[in-house]
Amino acid sequence: MALKNNRTNTPVTPGVYTVEFSAEPAVVAVSTSVPVFIGYTQKTLPANNGIMVHNMDHYRHHFGTAGDLADGPLLPPFLLYYCMNYYFLNGGGPAYIVSIGDYSKFTAENGARPFINAVDKLDNLKEPALLLMPDGVNLEKEDYLQVLNHALAHCRNHPLRFLLLDVPQTTLDSTNAGRIAFQAEVNDFRSRLATQHLESGAAYTPYLSGTTEQARILLVPPACVMAAQFTRADLQVGVWKAPSGLTVDGDLEPVQDIDDNLQEELNSDPDGLPPINTIRYYDGIGTTTWSARTLADRDSPFRHIAARRTASMMESSIRNYLNHSRLETNTQYTWDHMKRGLRSFLTDLWKAGALQGRQESAAFNVRVGLGETMSEADIEAGLLILEIDAALLRPTEFITLHFTRKMVS
């Protein structure tokens, strides 16, 4: 029998020994590819705070169909069913559905309140990183703007979450006069959006023309298709892949022809108006997503969707990692331990192409420690302060992530 010295725990006779090491927790990248859709459904579930569906059969099982809309308008009064169909047709993965009521529950008097209540319920739903509300475009304009502004604030308070919104559209005429009216309509919407939290969302136009299962032509707001593009890009490359230049599957075509001049007008921010991303049709290519800007202005470090979502993924992943450190002592050992874990995580991102720089030292820098990020007073107060510089692909400058944790004293 193998024996150990009881005082030093070292072997004193030949034999086989088991040595246990405590594994250091790693920084795990959080998921960014799961959306949540809010809207009206044919069937509802008791206390529906979010049900995950994996395909349209799964959706129909829980929430029913589109209902009898054979003779309805081009833009159906309830859009969620059709949007989910095109989401899955374009390669979208698992998604959460939050029903705000069956079709009979919708009244104009309800306005924004059901949507706002549903957004607030998302506080308890941690996984979704994309937020969509396709039925919102059928609200009165002021009600829809109230919903969007509330959703942007929600996403700002939940940094991993990002709002994909549809620009309401009534102008369908593709003549020159119709183009002018369409541009005026979009600019009016841009001017009414709140000026806060604009880096937490992106807007898309125009509507897309498709067909129902009964071969009836209908209009579909484009954000649902973009959610599928986001999901595909995240899973195939990473959250740092700009969701732009991707072809749209299915029979969808934009109802408004957008040329280069209109594209430039909508995607820039004249007079401080938020940029709008577009869907365009190209001969020989098909319907294509174009541009990848958030609603933020040109001076924001998060004017590009990829930069905003990459930074949010990093921040959320690192915060989860730091939760393991709350009960650690605020000492050099803890700081070195953190640096190793964070550098490993950032090195993996750099090698995958999420960060620019020929060498690691040009891609990121991790700072934590006495005299580096903390004073003696900070440590006495039980504060751990961590700073990370990361060179995102877009824009071409560093961002700094600043973290403060209360430690045991």
Protein backbone atom coordinates (compact mmCIF):
# COMPACT_ATOMS: atom_id res chain seq x y z
CA MET A 1 0.00 0.00 0.00
CA ALA A 2 1.37 3.42 -0.96
CA LEU A 3 1.94 5.71 2.02
CA LYS A 4 2.20 9.49 2.35
CA ASN A 5 3.75 11.68 5.01
CA ASN A 6 0.73 13.04 6.94
CA ARG A 7 2.40 16.36 7.61
CA THR A 8 3.75 17.19 4.14
CA ASN A 9 1.38 15.02 2.02
CA THR A 10 4.37 13.76 0.02
CA PRO A 11 4.93 10.08 -0.99
CA VAL A 12 7.17 8.03 1.30
CA THR A 13 6.83 4.63 -0.46
CA PRO A 14 6.63 3.60 -4.13
CA GLY A 15 3.11 3.43 -5.54
CA VAL A 16 0.42 5.14 -7.64
CA TYR A 17 -0.95 8.42 -6.33
CA THR A 18 -3.83 10.67 -7.38
CA VAL A 19 -3.03 14.37 -7.38
CA GLU A 20 -6.06 16.68 -7.58
CA PHE A 21 -5.83 20.11 -9.17
CA SER A 22 -8.58 22.72 -8.99
CA ALA A 23 -9.39 23.74 -12.55
CA GLU A 24 -9.39 27.44 -13.25
CA PRO A 25 -12.73 28.63 -14.65
CA ALA A 26 -12.44 29.69 -18.29
CA VAL A 27 -14.05 32.65 -19.99
CA VAL A 28 -16.85 31.15 -22.09
CA ALA A 29 -18.29 33.19 -24.96
CA VAL A 30 -22.02 33.72 -24.47
CA SER A 31 -24.45 32.85 -27.24
CA THR A 32 -25.47 35.74 -29.50
CA SER A 33 -27.59 33.96 -32.10
CA VAL A 34 -30.93 33.34 -30.36
CA PRO A 35 -33.73 35.86 -31.04
CA VAL A 36 -36.98 36.52 -29.22
CA PHE A 37 -40.09 37.52 -31.19
CA ILE A 38 -42.96 39.39 -29.54
CA GLY A 39 -46.41 39.52 -31.14
CA TYR A 40 -49.95 38.21 -31.48
CA THR A 41 -50.62 34.50 -32.07
CA GLN A 42 -53.65 32.38 -32.93
CA LYS A 43 -53.25 30.36 -29.72
CA THR A 44 -51.76 31.45 -26.42
CA LEU A 45 -50.27 29.62 -23.49
CA PRO A 46 -50.87 30.36 -19.79
CA ALA A 47 -48.16 32.58 -18.31
CA ASN A 48 -46.24 32.71 -21.58
CA ASN A 49 -42.93 34.26 -20.63
CA GLY A 50 -41.14 32.81 -23.64
CA ILE A 51 -41.36 29.46 -25.41
CA MET A 52 -38.51 28.25 -27.62
CA VAL A 53 -39.47 26.92 -31.05
CA HIS A 54 -37.13 25.18 -33.50
CA ASN A 55 -39.18 25.18 -36.72
CA MET A 56 -42.62 26.06 -38.08
CA ASP A 57 -44.15 22.74 -37.01
CA HIS A 58 -43.04 23.47 -33.48
CA TYR A 59 -44.44 27.01 -33.75
CA ARG A 60 -47.83 25.77 -35.01
CA HIS A 61 -48.02 23.23 -32.20
CA HIS A 62 -47.75 25.96 -29.57
CA PHE A 63 -49.19 29.03 -31.27
CA GLY A 64 -51.35 27.96 -34.20
CA THR A 65 -51.43 29.37 -37.72
CA ALA A 66 -52.02 32.69 -39.44
CA GLY A 67 -55.78 32.27 -39.33
CA ASP A 68 -58.16 32.87 -42.23
CA LEU A 69 -56.64 35.83 -44.05
CA ALA A 70 -57.34 34.69 -47.61
CA ASP A 71 -59.01 37.97 -48.56
CA GLY A 72 -57.05 40.21 -46.22
CA PRO A 73 -54.87 43.22 -46.99
CA LEU A 74 -51.37 43.10 -48.44
CA LEU A 75 -49.99 43.81 -44.98
CA PRO A 76 -51.72 41.29 -42.68
CA PRO A 77 -52.99 42.63 -39.36
CA PHE A 78 -50.98 39.92 -37.57
CA LEU A 79 -47.50 39.36 -38.95
CA LEU A 80 -45.71 37.10 -36.50
CA TYR A 81 -46.70 33.81 -38.16
CA TYR A 82 -45.50 34.92 -41.59
CA CYS A 83 -42.33 36.46 -40.19
CA MET A 84 -41.46 33.24 -38.37
CA ASN A 85 -42.01 31.29 -41.59
CA TYR A 86 -39.53 33.47 -43.50
CA TYR A 87 -37.15 33.48 -40.55
CA PHE A 88 -36.87 29.69 -40.70
CA LEU A 89 -36.83 29.64 -44.53
CA ASN A 90 -33.73 31.85 -44.39
CA GLY A 91 -31.84 29.54 -42.06
CA GLY A 92 -32.88 30.92 -38.70
CA GLY A 93 -32.28 28.67 -35.69
CA PRO A 94 -34.12 28.21 -32.40
CA ALA A 95 -36.08 31.28 -31.30
CA TYR A 96 -38.19 32.34 -28.35
CA ILE A 97 -41.80 33.43 -28.87
CA VAL A 98 -43.60 35.72 -26.41
CA SER A 99 -47.29 35.94 -27.27
CA ILE A 100 -49.07 39.11 -26.16
CA GLY A 101 -52.52 37.63 -26.85
CA ASP A 102 -54.58 35.82 -29.44
CA TYR A 103 -55.91 37.61 -32.51
CA SER A 104 -59.15 38.51 -30.78
CA LYS A 105 -57.29 40.42 -28.08
CA PHE A 106 -55.95 43.10 -30.42
CA THR A 107 -57.68 46.46 -30.27
CA ALA A 108 -56.42 49.89 -31.23
CA GLU A 109 -57.07 51.02 -27.65
CA ASN A 110 -54.48 48.56 -26.34
CA GLY A 111 -51.80 50.46 -28.22
CA ALA A 112 -48.27 50.10 -26.94
CA ARG A 113 -49.03 48.59 -23.53
CA PRO A 114 -49.03 44.84 -24.43
CA PHE A 115 -45.68 45.19 -26.19
CA ILE A 116 -44.13 47.19 -23.36
CA ASN A 117 -45.35 44.65 -20.79
CA ALA A 118 -43.83 41.84 -22.87
CA VAL A 119 -40.48 43.63 -23.14
CA ASP A 120 -40.41 44.04 -19.38
CA LYS A 121 -40.96 40.28 -18.94
CA LEU A 122 -37.74 39.66 -20.85
CA ASP A 123 -35.79 40.65 -17.74
CA ASN A 124 -36.24 37.04 -16.64
CA LEU A 125 -35.27 35.55 -20.01
CA LYS A 126 -31.48 35.51 -20.19
CA GLU A 127 -30.61 33.72 -23.44
CA PRO A 128 -32.11 35.85 -26.27
CA ALA A 129 -29.66 38.29 -27.81
CA LEU A 130 -31.90 39.68 -30.57
CA LEU A 131 -35.29 41.35 -30.03
CA LEU A 132 -37.98 41.69 -32.71
CA MET A 133 -41.59 42.91 -32.69
CA PRO A 134 -42.96 42.56 -36.25
CA ASP A 135 -46.57 43.25 -35.26
CA GLY A 136 -45.49 46.66 -33.97
CA VAL A 137 -45.63 48.19 -37.46
CA ASN A 138 -49.44 47.88 -37.37
CA LEU A 139 -49.66 50.14 -34.33
CA GLU A 140 -50.38 53.83 -34.57
CA LYS A 141 -47.11 55.63 -35.30
CA GLU A 142 -46.78 57.27 -31.88
CA ASP A 143 -47.55 53.99 -30.12
CA TYR A 144 -44.94 52.17 -32.21
CA LEU A 145 -42.32 54.80 -31.44
CA GLN A 146 -43.11 54.47 -27.73
CA VAL A 147 -42.59 50.70 -27.97
CA LEU A 148 -39.30 51.09 -29.85
CA ASN A 149 -37.89 53.66 -27.45
CA HIS A 150 -38.79 51.41 -24.51
CA ALA A 151 -37.17 48.43 -26.26
CA LEU A 152 -33.98 50.38 -26.96
CA ALA A 153 -33.73 51.33 -23.29
CA HIS A 154 -34.28 47.67 -22.36
CA CYS A 155 -31.44 46.58 -24.68
CA ARG A 156 -29.17 49.25 -23.23
CA ASN A 157 -29.79 47.80 -19.75
CA HIS A 158 -29.16 44.27 -21.08
CA PRO A 159 -25.99 44.82 -23.13
CA LEU A 160 -26.08 41.45 -24.89
CA ARG A 161 -29.52 42.22 -26.35
CA PHE A 162 -29.94 44.06 -29.66
CA LEU A 163 -33.15 45.41 -31.25
CA LEU A 164 -33.94 44.72 -34.91
CA LEU A 165 -36.72 47.08 -35.92
CA ASP A 166 -38.82 47.57 -39.03
CA VAL A 167 -39.47 51.01 -40.50
CA PRO A 168 -43.25 51.38 -41.04
CA GLN A 169 -44.16 51.81 -44.68
CA THR A 170 -47.36 52.85 -46.42
CA THR A 171 -45.88 54.00 -49.75
CA LEU A 172 -45.71 51.08 -52.18
CA ASP A 173 -45.58 53.04 -55.43
CA SER A 174 -42.26 52.46 -57.22
CA THR A 175 -42.59 55.45 -59.56
CA ASN A 176 -40.43 58.52 -59.07
CA ALA A 177 -43.23 60.21 -57.10
CA GLY A 178 -43.56 57.08 -54.98
CA ARG A 179 -39.83 57.03 -54.35
CA ILE A 180 -39.93 60.63 -53.12
CA ALA A 181 -42.90 59.86 -50.87
CA PHE A 182 -41.14 56.74 -49.53
CA GLN A 183 -38.00 58.73 -48.72
CA ALA A 184 -40.06 61.38 -46.92
CA GLU A 185 -41.88 58.69 -44.95
CA VAL A 186 -38.65 57.04 -43.81
CA ASN A 187 -37.06 60.37 -42.89
CA ASP A 188 -40.12 61.33 -40.86
CA PHE A 189 -39.79 58.08 -38.91
CA ARG A 190 -36.06 58.68 -38.38
CA SER A 191 -36.72 62.16 -37.01
CA ARG A 192 -39.18 60.82 -34.41
CA LEU A 193 -36.92 58.19 -32.85
CA ALA A 194 -35.52 59.04 -29.45
CA THR A 195 -31.92 60.19 -29.31
CA GLN A 196 -30.86 57.82 -26.52
CA HIS A 197 -29.58 54.22 -26.64
CA LEU A 198 -29.39 54.26 -30.44
CA GLU A 199 -26.33 51.97 -30.45
CA SER A 200 -28.62 49.22 -29.12
CA GLY A 201 -30.62 48.73 -32.30
CA ALA A 202 -30.70 48.75 -36.09
CA ALA A 203 -33.53 49.59 -38.51
CA TYR A 204 -34.41 48.02 -41.86
CA THR A 205 -36.44 49.02 -44.90
CA PRO A 206 -38.30 48.47 -47.27
CA TYR A 207 -40.99 45.84 -46.83
CA LEU A 208 -40.57 42.61 -48.78
CA SER A 209 -43.15 41.08 -51.10
CA GLY A 210 -43.85 37.38 -50.66
CA THR A 211 -46.65 34.84 -50.91
CA THR A 212 -48.72 32.94 -48.36
CA GLU A 213 -49.23 29.19 -48.28
CA GLN A 214 -52.44 29.92 -50.23
CA ALA A 215 -50.42 31.73 -52.94
CA ARG A 216 -51.72 35.14 -51.88
CA ILE A 217 -49.31 38.06 -52.19
CA LEU A 218 -48.45 39.73 -48.89
CA LEU A 219 -45.98 42.21 -47.44
CA VAL A 220 -43.41 41.17 -44.85
CA PRO A 221 -41.36 43.60 -42.72
CA PRO A 222 -37.66 42.79 -43.28
CA ALA A 223 -36.26 42.49 -39.74
CA CYS A 224 -37.33 38.84 -39.43
CA VAL A 225 -35.18 37.96 -42.44
CA MET A 226 -32.31 39.93 -40.95
CA ALA A 227 -32.61 37.94 -37.71
CA ALA A 228 -31.98 34.79 -39.75
CA GLN A 229 -28.97 36.45 -41.41
CA PHE A 230 -27.58 37.43 -38.00
CA THR A 231 -28.02 33.87 -36.74
CA ARG A 232 -26.31 32.33 -39.77
CA ALA A 233 -23.40 34.77 -39.66
CA ASP A 234 -22.91 34.26 -35.91
CA LEU A 235 -22.86 30.48 -36.18
CA GLN A 236 -20.82 30.19 -39.38
CA VAL A 237 -18.22 32.89 -38.64
CA GLY A 238 -18.84 34.79 -35.42
CA VAL A 239 -20.65 37.79 -34.03
CA TRP A 240 -17.96 40.02 -35.58
CA LYS A 241 -19.18 39.12 -39.10
CA ALA A 242 -21.11 42.10 -40.47
CA PRO A 243 -24.65 40.98 -41.47
CA SER A 244 -24.47 42.60 -44.89
CA GLY A 245 -24.13 41.49 -48.50
CA LEU A 246 -26.06 38.28 -47.84
CA THR A 247 -28.73 36.98 -50.23
CA VAL A 248 -32.27 36.42 -49.02
CA ASP A 249 -33.81 32.99 -49.59
CA GLY A 250 -37.43 32.37 -50.53
CA ASP A 251 -39.60 34.36 -52.91
CA LEU A 252 -39.02 37.73 -51.25
CA GLU A 253 -38.31 40.92 -53.16
CA PRO A 254 -38.19 44.53 -51.90
CA VAL A 255 -41.32 46.50 -52.77
CA GLN A 256 -39.32 49.69 -53.26
CA ASP A 257 -36.42 49.96 -55.68
CA ILE A 258 -33.53 51.60 -53.81
CA ASP A 259 -30.75 53.01 -55.96
CA ASP A 260 -27.28 54.10 -54.87
CA ASN A 261 -28.34 57.69 -54.22
CA LEU A 262 -31.24 56.71 -51.96
CA GLN A 263 -29.04 54.11 -50.30
CA GLU A 264 -26.48 56.78 -49.45
CA GLU A 265 -29.18 59.09 -48.12
CA LEU A 266 -30.73 56.46 -45.84
CA ASN A 267 -27.49 54.95 -44.62
CA SER A 268 -25.85 58.27 -43.70
CA ASP A 269 -26.93 60.54 -40.89
CA PRO A 270 -27.69 63.99 -42.36
CA ASP A 271 -29.00 66.44 -39.80
CA GLY A 272 -28.37 63.85 -37.09
CA LEU A 273 -30.99 61.38 -38.39
CA PRO A 274 -30.31 57.73 -37.45
CA PRO A 275 -28.96 55.56 -40.30
CA ILE A 276 -31.38 53.06 -41.89
CA ASN A 277 -30.21 49.77 -43.42
CA THR A 278 -31.76 48.59 -46.65
CA ILE A 279 -32.70 45.48 -48.58
CA ARG A 280 -32.00 45.74 -52.32
CA TYR A 281 -32.52 43.65 -55.43
CA TYR A 282 -29.69 43.02 -57.91
CA ASP A 283 -30.06 41.32 -61.26
CA GLY A 284 -28.19 38.04 -61.31
CA ILE A 285 -27.83 38.04 -57.50
CA GLY A 286 -31.31 38.48 -56.09
CA THR A 287 -32.55 40.14 -52.94
CA THR A 288 -29.58 41.19 -50.84
CA THR A 289 -29.12 42.73 -47.41
CA TRP A 290 -27.22 45.98 -47.62
CA SER A 291 -25.31 47.96 -44.98
CA ALA A 292 -24.84 47.08 -41.31
CA ARG A 293 -25.18 50.24 -39.21
CA THR A 294 -26.71 50.73 -35.82
CA LEU A 295 -28.95 53.74 -35.22
CA ALA A 296 -26.03 55.59 -33.62
CA ASP A 297 -24.42 58.59 -35.31
CA ARG A 298 -21.08 58.63 -37.10
CA ASP A 299 -19.16 59.72 -33.99
CA SER A 300 -20.19 56.68 -31.96
CA PRO A 301 -17.64 53.86 -31.56
CA PHE A 302 -20.63 51.53 -32.03
CA ARG A 303 -21.99 52.84 -35.30
CA HIS A 304 -21.32 49.41 -36.85
CA ILE A 305 -23.52 46.50 -35.80
CA ALA A 306 -20.59 44.08 -35.66
CA ALA A 307 -18.61 46.36 -33.32
CA ARG A 308 -21.58 46.84 -30.99
CA ARG A 309 -22.44 43.15 -30.80
CA THR A 310 -18.83 41.97 -30.50
CA ALA A 311 -18.21 44.35 -27.61
CA SER A 312 -21.45 43.24 -25.96
CA MET A 313 -20.53 39.57 -26.32
CA MET A 314 -17.12 40.24 -24.79
CA GLU A 315 -18.57 42.29 -21.94
CA SER A 316 -21.25 39.71 -21.08
CA SER A 317 -18.80 36.81 -21.28
CA ILE A 318 -16.27 38.56 -19.06
CA ARG A 319 -18.92 39.58 -16.52
CA ASN A 320 -20.00 35.95 -16.24
CA TYR A 321 -16.37 34.98 -15.70
CA LEU A 322 -15.87 37.64 -13.03
CA ASN A 323 -18.87 36.34 -11.10
CA HIS A 324 -16.63 33.40 -10.14
CA SER A 325 -14.18 35.84 -8.56
CA ARG A 326 -16.45 37.64 -6.11
CA LEU A 327 -15.35 35.51 -3.20
CA GLU A 328 -11.66 35.59 -4.07
CA THR A 329 -9.18 37.68 -2.12
CA ASN A 330 -8.09 40.88 -3.84
CA THR A 331 -4.43 39.90 -4.15
CA GLN A 332 -1.70 39.45 -6.75
CA TYR A 333 -2.59 35.77 -7.03
CA THR A 334 -6.18 36.63 -8.03
CA TRP A 335 -5.03 39.29 -10.49
CA ASP A 336 -2.58 36.93 -12.19
CA HIS A 337 -5.26 34.25 -12.33
CA MET A 338 -7.67 36.70 -14.01
CA LYS A 339 -5.10 37.89 -16.51
CA ARG A 340 -4.38 34.32 -17.62
CA GLY A 341 -8.06 33.53 -18.14
CA LEU A 342 -8.83 36.78 -19.94
CA ARG A 343 -5.76 36.65 -22.17
CA SER A 344 -6.66 33.11 -23.20
CA PHE A 345 -10.20 34.22 -24.12
CA LEU A 346 -9.00 37.28 -26.04
CA THR A 347 -6.28 35.30 -27.81
CA ASP A 348 -8.90 32.85 -29.07
CA LEU A 349 -11.01 35.75 -30.36
CA TRP A 350 -7.98 37.31 -32.07
CA LYS A 351 -7.06 34.02 -33.75
CA ALA A 352 -10.65 33.60 -34.93
CA GLY A 353 -10.56 37.03 -36.58
CA ALA A 354 -12.64 39.05 -34.13
CA LEU A 355 -9.82 41.47 -33.30
CA GLN A 356 -7.38 43.23 -35.56
CA GLY A 357 -3.63 43.40 -35.13
CA ARG A 358 -0.70 41.34 -36.40
CA GLN A 359 0.30 40.43 -32.87
CA GLU A 360 -1.62 39.87 -29.66
CA SER A 361 -0.08 43.00 -28.16
CA ALA A 362 -1.67 45.05 -30.96
CA ALA A 363 -5.06 43.35 -30.58
CA PHE A 364 -5.75 43.64 -26.84
CA ASN A 365 -4.36 44.54 -23.45
CA VAL A 366 -5.51 43.44 -19.98
CA ARG A 367 -4.81 45.60 -16.93
CA VAL A 368 -5.56 44.78 -13.31
CA GLY A 369 -3.57 45.28 -10.14
CA LEU A 370 -2.23 47.65 -7.51
CA GLY A 371 -0.75 50.75 -9.11
CA GLU A 372 -2.12 49.70 -12.49
CA THR A 373 -5.90 49.99 -12.09
CA MET A 374 -6.30 50.19 -8.31
CA SER A 375 -5.03 52.19 -5.38
CA GLU A 376 -4.56 51.02 -1.82
CA ALA A 377 -7.83 52.79 -1.03
CA ASP A 378 -9.65 50.76 -3.70
CA ILE A 379 -8.35 47.52 -2.26
CA GLU A 380 -9.23 48.59 1.29
CA ALA A 381 -12.76 49.29 0.00
CA GLY A 382 -12.92 45.79 -1.44
CA LEU A 383 -12.99 46.95 -5.08
CA LEU A 384 -11.40 45.05 -7.94
CA ILE A 385 -11.00 47.23 -11.04
CA LEU A 386 -10.24 45.62 -14.39
CA GLU A 387 -9.63 47.37 -17.71
CA ILE A 388 -9.41 45.74 -21.14
CA ASP A 389 -8.47 47.42 -24.42
CA ALA A 390 -9.60 45.57 -27.54
CA ALA A 391 -9.09 46.50 -31.19
CA LEU A 392 -12.40 45.59 -32.82
CA LEU A 393 -12.55 45.14 -36.56
CA ARG A 394 -14.86 48.15 -36.95
CA PRO A 395 -14.43 50.96 -36.26
CA THR A 396 -10.65 50.97 -36.48
CA GLU A 397 -9.91 52.14 -32.98
CA PHE A 398 -9.67 50.59 -29.55
CA ILE A 399 -12.58 50.33 -27.19
CA THR A 400 -12.01 50.06 -23.45
CA LEU A 401 -14.12 47.79 -21.25
CA HIS A 402 -14.11 48.84 -17.60
CA PHE A 403 -15.22 46.43 -14.87
CA THR A 404 -15.52 46.98 -11.12
CA ARG A 405 -16.29 44.15 -8.68
CA LYS A 406 -16.91 44.19 -4.94
CA MET A 407 -14.66 41.55 -3.38
CA VAL A 408 -14.55 39.98 0.08
CA SER A 409 -12.54 42.00 2.55
